[in-house]
Amino acid sequence: GDGLSDLVLGAPYADNNGSDSGSVWVMFSTLIDDVGATTGNNKPLNTTTNYNIRYDGGAASDWLTYYSSLAIGDINGDGLSDLVLGAPYADNNGAVSGSVRSEERRVVEECRSR
């Protein structure tokens, strides 16, 4: 990484993969720096150049990141922060069984280098 903080936004009611599937947008520090020094900039998230990575819930009503189910921490013991996303209403293993998705830092770094 570049040693600078990135921004992660979760929206559980986003409809990118069905009604209330939920989405998460990742913006690297370099993209945030491009916004400029002023405040109040409005950047629509339906424009792909306004974010670096987007994760969507797997299906309608998954509510990705609902109940603040988004965390950043070292889950694989490599000393780097990883991204963990929860979808509490996903039906992967029965009705409303929930689901957790983790993205290792190396995956995010590979996206950064593109």
N, C-alpha and C. Protein backbone atom coordinates (compact mmCIF):
# COMPACT_ATOMS: atom_id res chain seq x y z
N GLY A 1 0.81 -1.19 0.00
CA GLY A 1 0.00 0.00 0.00
C GLY A 1 0.85 1.25 0.00
N ASP A 2 0.17 2.36 -0.08
CA ASP A 2 0.86 3.65 -0.11
C ASP A 2 0.97 4.29 1.26
N GLY A 3 0.46 3.61 2.30
CA GLY A 3 0.54 4.14 3.65
C GLY A 3 -0.54 5.16 3.96
N LEU A 4 -1.40 5.45 3.03
CA LEU A 4 -2.49 6.41 3.23
C LEU A 4 -3.81 5.67 3.38
N SER A 5 -4.72 6.27 4.10
CA SER A 5 -6.03 5.64 4.35
C SER A 5 -6.90 5.67 3.11
N ASP A 6 -7.65 4.59 2.93
CA ASP A 6 -8.63 4.49 1.86
C ASP A 6 -10.02 4.64 2.48
N LEU A 7 -11.03 4.76 1.67
CA LEU A 7 -12.40 4.94 2.13
C LEU A 7 -13.24 3.76 1.69
N VAL A 8 -14.02 3.20 2.62
CA VAL A 8 -14.92 2.09 2.33
C VAL A 8 -16.32 2.52 2.76
N LEU A 9 -17.28 2.46 1.83
CA LEU A 9 -18.66 2.85 2.09
C LEU A 9 -19.58 1.67 1.88
N GLY A 10 -20.46 1.41 2.84
CA GLY A 10 -21.45 0.35 2.70
C GLY A 10 -22.84 0.93 2.60
N ALA A 11 -23.66 0.35 1.73
CA ALA A 11 -25.05 0.77 1.55
C ALA A 11 -25.92 -0.47 1.44
N PRO A 12 -26.51 -0.93 2.55
CA PRO A 12 -27.25 -2.18 2.52
C PRO A 12 -28.51 -2.17 1.66
N TYR A 13 -29.04 -0.99 1.35
CA TYR A 13 -30.26 -0.91 0.55
C TYR A 13 -29.99 -0.65 -0.93
N ALA A 14 -28.72 -0.67 -1.33
CA ALA A 14 -28.39 -0.47 -2.75
C ALA A 14 -28.97 -1.62 -3.57
N ASP A 15 -29.32 -1.32 -4.81
CA ASP A 15 -30.03 -2.29 -5.66
C ASP A 15 -29.22 -2.75 -6.87
N ASN A 16 -27.90 -2.79 -6.77
CA ASN A 16 -27.07 -3.14 -7.93
C ASN A 16 -27.18 -4.60 -8.35
N ASN A 17 -27.61 -5.49 -7.46
CA ASN A 17 -27.75 -6.90 -7.82
C ASN A 17 -29.11 -7.44 -7.36
N GLY A 18 -30.12 -6.60 -7.46
CA GLY A 18 -31.47 -6.94 -7.00
C GLY A 18 -31.87 -6.00 -5.88
N SER A 19 -33.14 -5.89 -5.62
CA SER A 19 -33.65 -4.98 -4.60
C SER A 19 -33.04 -5.28 -3.23
N ASP A 20 -32.44 -4.27 -2.63
CA ASP A 20 -31.81 -4.37 -1.29
C ASP A 20 -30.70 -5.42 -1.23
N SER A 21 -30.01 -5.66 -2.34
CA SER A 21 -28.89 -6.59 -2.30
C SER A 21 -27.73 -6.01 -1.50
N GLY A 22 -27.59 -4.70 -1.51
CA GLY A 22 -26.51 -4.04 -0.78
C GLY A 22 -25.25 -3.95 -1.64
N SER A 23 -24.46 -2.93 -1.38
CA SER A 23 -23.19 -2.75 -2.10
C SER A 23 -22.16 -2.09 -1.19
N VAL A 24 -20.91 -2.30 -1.53
CA VAL A 24 -19.78 -1.66 -0.85
C VAL A 24 -18.89 -1.05 -1.91
N TRP A 25 -18.49 0.19 -1.70
CA TRP A 25 -17.58 0.88 -2.61
C TRP A 25 -16.28 1.14 -1.90
N VAL A 26 -15.16 0.89 -2.58
CA VAL A 26 -13.83 1.17 -2.05
C VAL A 26 -13.21 2.26 -2.90
N MET A 27 -12.72 3.29 -2.23
CA MET A 27 -12.02 4.38 -2.91
C MET A 27 -10.62 4.49 -2.33
N PHE A 28 -9.62 4.30 -3.18
CA PHE A 28 -8.24 4.39 -2.73
C PHE A 28 -7.87 5.84 -2.47
N SER A 29 -6.85 6.03 -1.65
CA SER A 29 -6.42 7.38 -1.29
C SER A 29 -6.10 8.23 -2.50
N THR A 30 -5.56 7.62 -3.55
CA THR A 30 -5.21 8.39 -4.74
C THR A 30 -6.45 8.97 -5.41
N LEU A 31 -7.55 8.23 -5.41
CA LEU A 31 -8.79 8.73 -5.99
C LEU A 31 -9.38 9.84 -5.11
N ILE A 32 -9.29 9.67 -3.79
CA ILE A 32 -9.79 10.68 -2.87
C ILE A 32 -8.99 11.96 -3.03
N ASP A 33 -7.68 11.84 -3.18
CA ASP A 33 -6.82 13.02 -3.35
C ASP A 33 -7.16 13.78 -4.62
N ASP A 34 -7.67 13.07 -5.64
CA ASP A 34 -8.02 13.72 -6.90
C ASP A 34 -9.25 14.62 -6.79
N VAL A 35 -10.03 14.46 -5.71
CA VAL A 35 -11.24 15.27 -5.54
C VAL A 35 -10.88 16.72 -5.30
N GLY A 36 -9.77 16.97 -4.63
CA GLY A 36 -9.35 18.34 -4.36
C GLY A 36 -9.51 18.69 -2.89
N ALA A 37 -9.14 19.89 -2.55
CA ALA A 37 -9.12 20.32 -1.15
C ALA A 37 -10.45 20.86 -0.67
N THR A 38 -11.40 21.07 -1.55
CA THR A 38 -12.67 21.64 -1.13
C THR A 38 -13.59 20.56 -0.56
N THR A 39 -14.53 20.98 0.26
CA THR A 39 -15.52 20.04 0.79
C THR A 39 -16.82 20.18 0.02
N GLY A 40 -17.69 19.22 0.21
CA GLY A 40 -19.00 19.29 -0.43
C GLY A 40 -19.03 18.78 -1.86
N ASN A 41 -17.99 18.05 -2.26
CA ASN A 41 -17.99 17.47 -3.60
C ASN A 41 -18.99 16.32 -3.64
N ASN A 42 -19.85 16.32 -4.61
CA ASN A 42 -20.81 15.23 -4.80
C ASN A 42 -20.36 14.38 -5.97
N LYS A 43 -20.06 13.13 -5.68
CA LYS A 43 -19.62 12.19 -6.71
C LYS A 43 -20.59 11.02 -6.74
N PRO A 44 -21.38 10.87 -7.81
CA PRO A 44 -22.35 9.77 -7.85
C PRO A 44 -21.64 8.41 -7.95
N LEU A 45 -22.14 7.45 -7.18
CA LEU A 45 -21.52 6.13 -7.16
C LEU A 45 -21.99 5.25 -8.30
N ASN A 46 -22.87 5.75 -9.15
CA ASN A 46 -23.24 4.99 -10.34
C ASN A 46 -22.30 5.29 -11.51
N THR A 47 -21.27 6.09 -11.26
CA THR A 47 -20.23 6.39 -12.24
C THR A 47 -18.97 5.64 -11.83
N THR A 48 -18.53 4.69 -12.64
CA THR A 48 -17.43 3.80 -12.23
C THR A 48 -16.11 4.53 -12.01
N THR A 49 -15.92 5.68 -12.57
CA THR A 49 -14.66 6.41 -12.33
C THR A 49 -14.63 7.09 -10.97
N ASN A 50 -15.72 7.04 -10.21
CA ASN A 50 -15.77 7.66 -8.89
C ASN A 50 -15.44 6.69 -7.76
N TYR A 51 -15.11 5.45 -8.10
CA TYR A 51 -14.68 4.47 -7.09
C TYR A 51 -13.71 3.50 -7.75
N ASN A 52 -12.97 2.74 -6.91
CA ASN A 52 -12.00 1.78 -7.44
C ASN A 52 -12.53 0.36 -7.49
N ILE A 53 -13.28 -0.06 -6.47
CA ILE A 53 -13.83 -1.42 -6.40
C ILE A 53 -15.25 -1.33 -5.89
N ARG A 54 -16.15 -2.16 -6.42
CA ARG A 54 -17.50 -2.28 -5.88
C ARG A 54 -17.80 -3.75 -5.65
N TYR A 55 -18.32 -4.06 -4.46
CA TYR A 55 -18.80 -5.40 -4.14
C TYR A 55 -20.31 -5.31 -3.98
N ASP A 56 -21.03 -6.26 -4.54
CA ASP A 56 -22.48 -6.28 -4.44
C ASP A 56 -22.94 -7.54 -3.71
N GLY A 57 -24.06 -7.41 -2.98
CA GLY A 57 -24.67 -8.57 -2.38
C GLY A 57 -25.02 -9.58 -3.47
N GLY A 58 -25.05 -10.84 -3.13
CA GLY A 58 -25.25 -11.90 -4.12
C GLY A 58 -26.63 -11.94 -4.74
N ALA A 59 -27.64 -11.43 -4.02
CA ALA A 59 -29.01 -11.51 -4.53
C ALA A 59 -29.87 -10.45 -3.83
N ALA A 60 -31.07 -10.30 -4.33
CA ALA A 60 -32.02 -9.37 -3.72
C ALA A 60 -32.21 -9.71 -2.24
N SER A 61 -32.35 -8.70 -1.42
CA SER A 61 -32.62 -8.82 0.02
C SER A 61 -31.47 -9.42 0.82
N ASP A 62 -30.25 -9.44 0.29
CA ASP A 62 -29.09 -9.89 1.08
C ASP A 62 -28.67 -8.84 2.11
N TRP A 63 -28.88 -7.58 1.80
CA TRP A 63 -28.56 -6.44 2.66
C TRP A 63 -27.09 -6.46 3.08
N LEU A 64 -26.21 -6.52 2.10
CA LEU A 64 -24.77 -6.49 2.36
C LEU A 64 -24.42 -5.28 3.22
N THR A 65 -23.74 -5.48 4.30
CA THR A 65 -23.28 -4.51 5.31
C THR A 65 -24.37 -4.01 6.26
N TYR A 66 -25.56 -4.62 6.25
CA TYR A 66 -26.60 -4.23 7.21
C TYR A 66 -26.15 -4.53 8.63
N TYR A 67 -26.64 -3.84 9.60
CA TYR A 67 -26.20 -3.94 11.00
C TYR A 67 -24.71 -3.66 11.15
N SER A 68 -24.18 -2.78 10.34
CA SER A 68 -22.76 -2.41 10.39
C SER A 68 -21.85 -3.61 10.20
N SER A 69 -22.25 -4.56 9.37
CA SER A 69 -21.46 -5.78 9.17
C SER A 69 -20.39 -5.57 8.11
N LEU A 70 -19.50 -4.64 8.39
CA LEU A 70 -18.34 -4.35 7.56
C LEU A 70 -17.19 -4.15 8.52
N ALA A 71 -16.10 -4.85 8.33
CA ALA A 71 -14.96 -4.72 9.23
C ALA A 71 -13.66 -4.74 8.45
N ILE A 72 -12.67 -4.09 9.00
CA ILE A 72 -11.34 -4.10 8.42
C ILE A 72 -10.39 -4.56 9.51
N GLY A 73 -9.64 -5.61 9.24
CA GLY A 73 -8.70 -6.16 10.21
C GLY A 73 -7.90 -7.28 9.59
N ASP A 74 -6.90 -7.75 10.30
CA ASP A 74 -6.04 -8.82 9.80
C ASP A 74 -6.65 -10.16 10.16
N ILE A 75 -7.37 -10.78 9.23
CA ILE A 75 -8.03 -12.05 9.54
C ILE A 75 -7.20 -13.27 9.16
N ASN A 76 -6.17 -13.09 8.34
CA ASN A 76 -5.38 -14.25 7.92
C ASN A 76 -3.97 -14.25 8.49
N GLY A 77 -3.67 -13.31 9.40
CA GLY A 77 -2.40 -13.31 10.10
C GLY A 77 -1.20 -12.89 9.29
N ASP A 78 -1.39 -12.19 8.17
CA ASP A 78 -0.25 -11.78 7.35
C ASP A 78 0.26 -10.38 7.70
N GLY A 79 -0.36 -9.74 8.71
CA GLY A 79 0.08 -8.41 9.11
C GLY A 79 -0.54 -7.28 8.32
N LEU A 80 -1.41 -7.59 7.36
CA LEU A 80 -2.07 -6.57 6.54
C LEU A 80 -3.57 -6.57 6.83
N SER A 81 -4.20 -5.43 6.69
CA SER A 81 -5.64 -5.32 6.92
C SER A 81 -6.41 -5.95 5.77
N ASP A 82 -7.44 -6.71 6.12
CA ASP A 82 -8.32 -7.34 5.16
C ASP A 82 -9.71 -6.72 5.31
N LEU A 83 -10.55 -6.90 4.31
CA LEU A 83 -11.90 -6.37 4.30
C LEU A 83 -12.88 -7.53 4.49
N VAL A 84 -13.77 -7.41 5.48
CA VAL A 84 -14.76 -8.44 5.76
C VAL A 84 -16.15 -7.82 5.61
N LEU A 85 -17.00 -8.45 4.80
CA LEU A 85 -18.34 -7.94 4.51
C LEU A 85 -19.37 -8.97 4.90
N GLY A 86 -20.39 -8.56 5.63
CA GLY A 86 -21.45 -9.45 6.03
C GLY A 86 -22.74 -9.15 5.30
N ALA A 87 -23.48 -10.20 4.99
CA ALA A 87 -24.82 -10.08 4.39
C ALA A 87 -25.77 -10.90 5.26
N PRO A 88 -26.32 -10.28 6.31
CA PRO A 88 -27.07 -11.05 7.31
C PRO A 88 -28.33 -11.74 6.81
N TYR A 89 -28.88 -11.29 5.70
CA TYR A 89 -30.11 -11.90 5.19
C TYR A 89 -29.90 -12.76 3.96
N ALA A 90 -28.66 -13.08 3.64
CA ALA A 90 -28.39 -13.98 2.51
C ALA A 90 -28.95 -15.37 2.81
N ASP A 91 -29.39 -16.06 1.77
CA ASP A 91 -30.02 -17.37 1.93
C ASP A 91 -29.14 -18.51 1.42
N ASN A 92 -27.84 -18.38 1.55
CA ASN A 92 -26.92 -19.38 0.99
C ASN A 92 -27.05 -20.75 1.62
N ASN A 93 -27.45 -20.81 2.90
CA ASN A 93 -27.52 -22.08 3.60
C ASN A 93 -28.85 -22.21 4.33
N GLY A 94 -29.92 -21.81 3.66
CA GLY A 94 -31.24 -21.80 4.25
C GLY A 94 -31.74 -20.37 4.39
N ALA A 95 -33.02 -20.23 4.65
CA ALA A 95 -33.64 -18.90 4.73
C ALA A 95 -32.95 -18.03 5.79
N VAL A 96 -32.51 -16.87 5.38
CA VAL A 96 -31.89 -15.86 6.24
C VAL A 96 -30.75 -16.45 7.08
N SER A 97 -29.95 -17.33 6.48
CA SER A 97 -28.82 -17.92 7.19
C SER A 97 -27.63 -16.98 7.30
N GLY A 98 -27.58 -15.99 6.41
CA GLY A 98 -26.48 -15.03 6.44
C GLY A 98 -25.26 -15.53 5.70
N SER A 99 -24.36 -14.60 5.43
CA SER A 99 -23.15 -14.93 4.69
C SER A 99 -22.07 -13.90 5.03
N VAL A 100 -20.82 -14.33 5.01
CA VAL A 100 -19.69 -13.44 5.23
C VAL A 100 -18.72 -13.61 4.08
N ARG A 101 -18.21 -12.49 3.61
CA ARG A 101 -17.23 -12.50 2.52
C ARG A 101 -15.99 -11.77 2.99
N SER A 102 -14.84 -12.33 2.74
CA SER A 102 -13.60 -11.63 3.11
C SER A 102 -12.74 -11.43 1.87
N GLU A 103 -12.10 -10.30 1.81
CA GLU A 103 -11.18 -9.97 0.73
C GLU A 103 -9.82 -9.70 1.36
N GLU A 104 -8.85 -10.54 1.03
CA GLU A 104 -7.52 -10.35 1.58
C GLU A 104 -6.88 -9.10 1.00
N ARG A 105 -6.02 -8.49 1.76
CA ARG A 105 -5.36 -7.26 1.35
C ARG A 105 -4.67 -7.42 0.00
N ARG A 106 -4.09 -8.60 -0.27
CA ARG A 106 -3.39 -8.78 -1.54
C ARG A 106 -4.34 -8.66 -2.72
N VAL A 107 -5.62 -9.08 -2.54
CA VAL A 107 -6.60 -8.96 -3.61
C VAL A 107 -6.91 -7.49 -3.87
N VAL A 108 -7.07 -6.73 -2.79
CA VAL A 108 -7.33 -5.30 -2.92
C VAL A 108 -6.12 -4.61 -3.53
N GLU A 109 -4.91 -5.01 -3.13
CA GLU A 109 -3.69 -4.41 -3.69
C GLU A 109 -3.56 -4.71 -5.18
N GLU A 110 -3.97 -5.93 -5.61
CA GLU A 110 -3.93 -6.25 -7.03
C GLU A 110 -4.86 -5.34 -7.81
N CYS A 111 -6.01 -5.03 -7.25
CA CYS A 111 -6.94 -4.10 -7.91
C CYS A 111 -6.34 -2.70 -7.96
N ARG A 112 -5.60 -2.33 -6.91
CA ARG A 112 -4.98 -1.01 -6.84
C ARG A 112 -3.94 -0.85 -7.94
N SER A 113 -3.22 -1.93 -8.27
CA SER A 113 -2.12 -1.83 -9.23
C SER A 113 -2.60 -1.84 -10.69
N ARG A 114 -3.89 -2.07 -10.92
CA ARG A 114 -4.41 -2.10 -12.30
C ARG A 114 -4.52 -0.73 -12.89
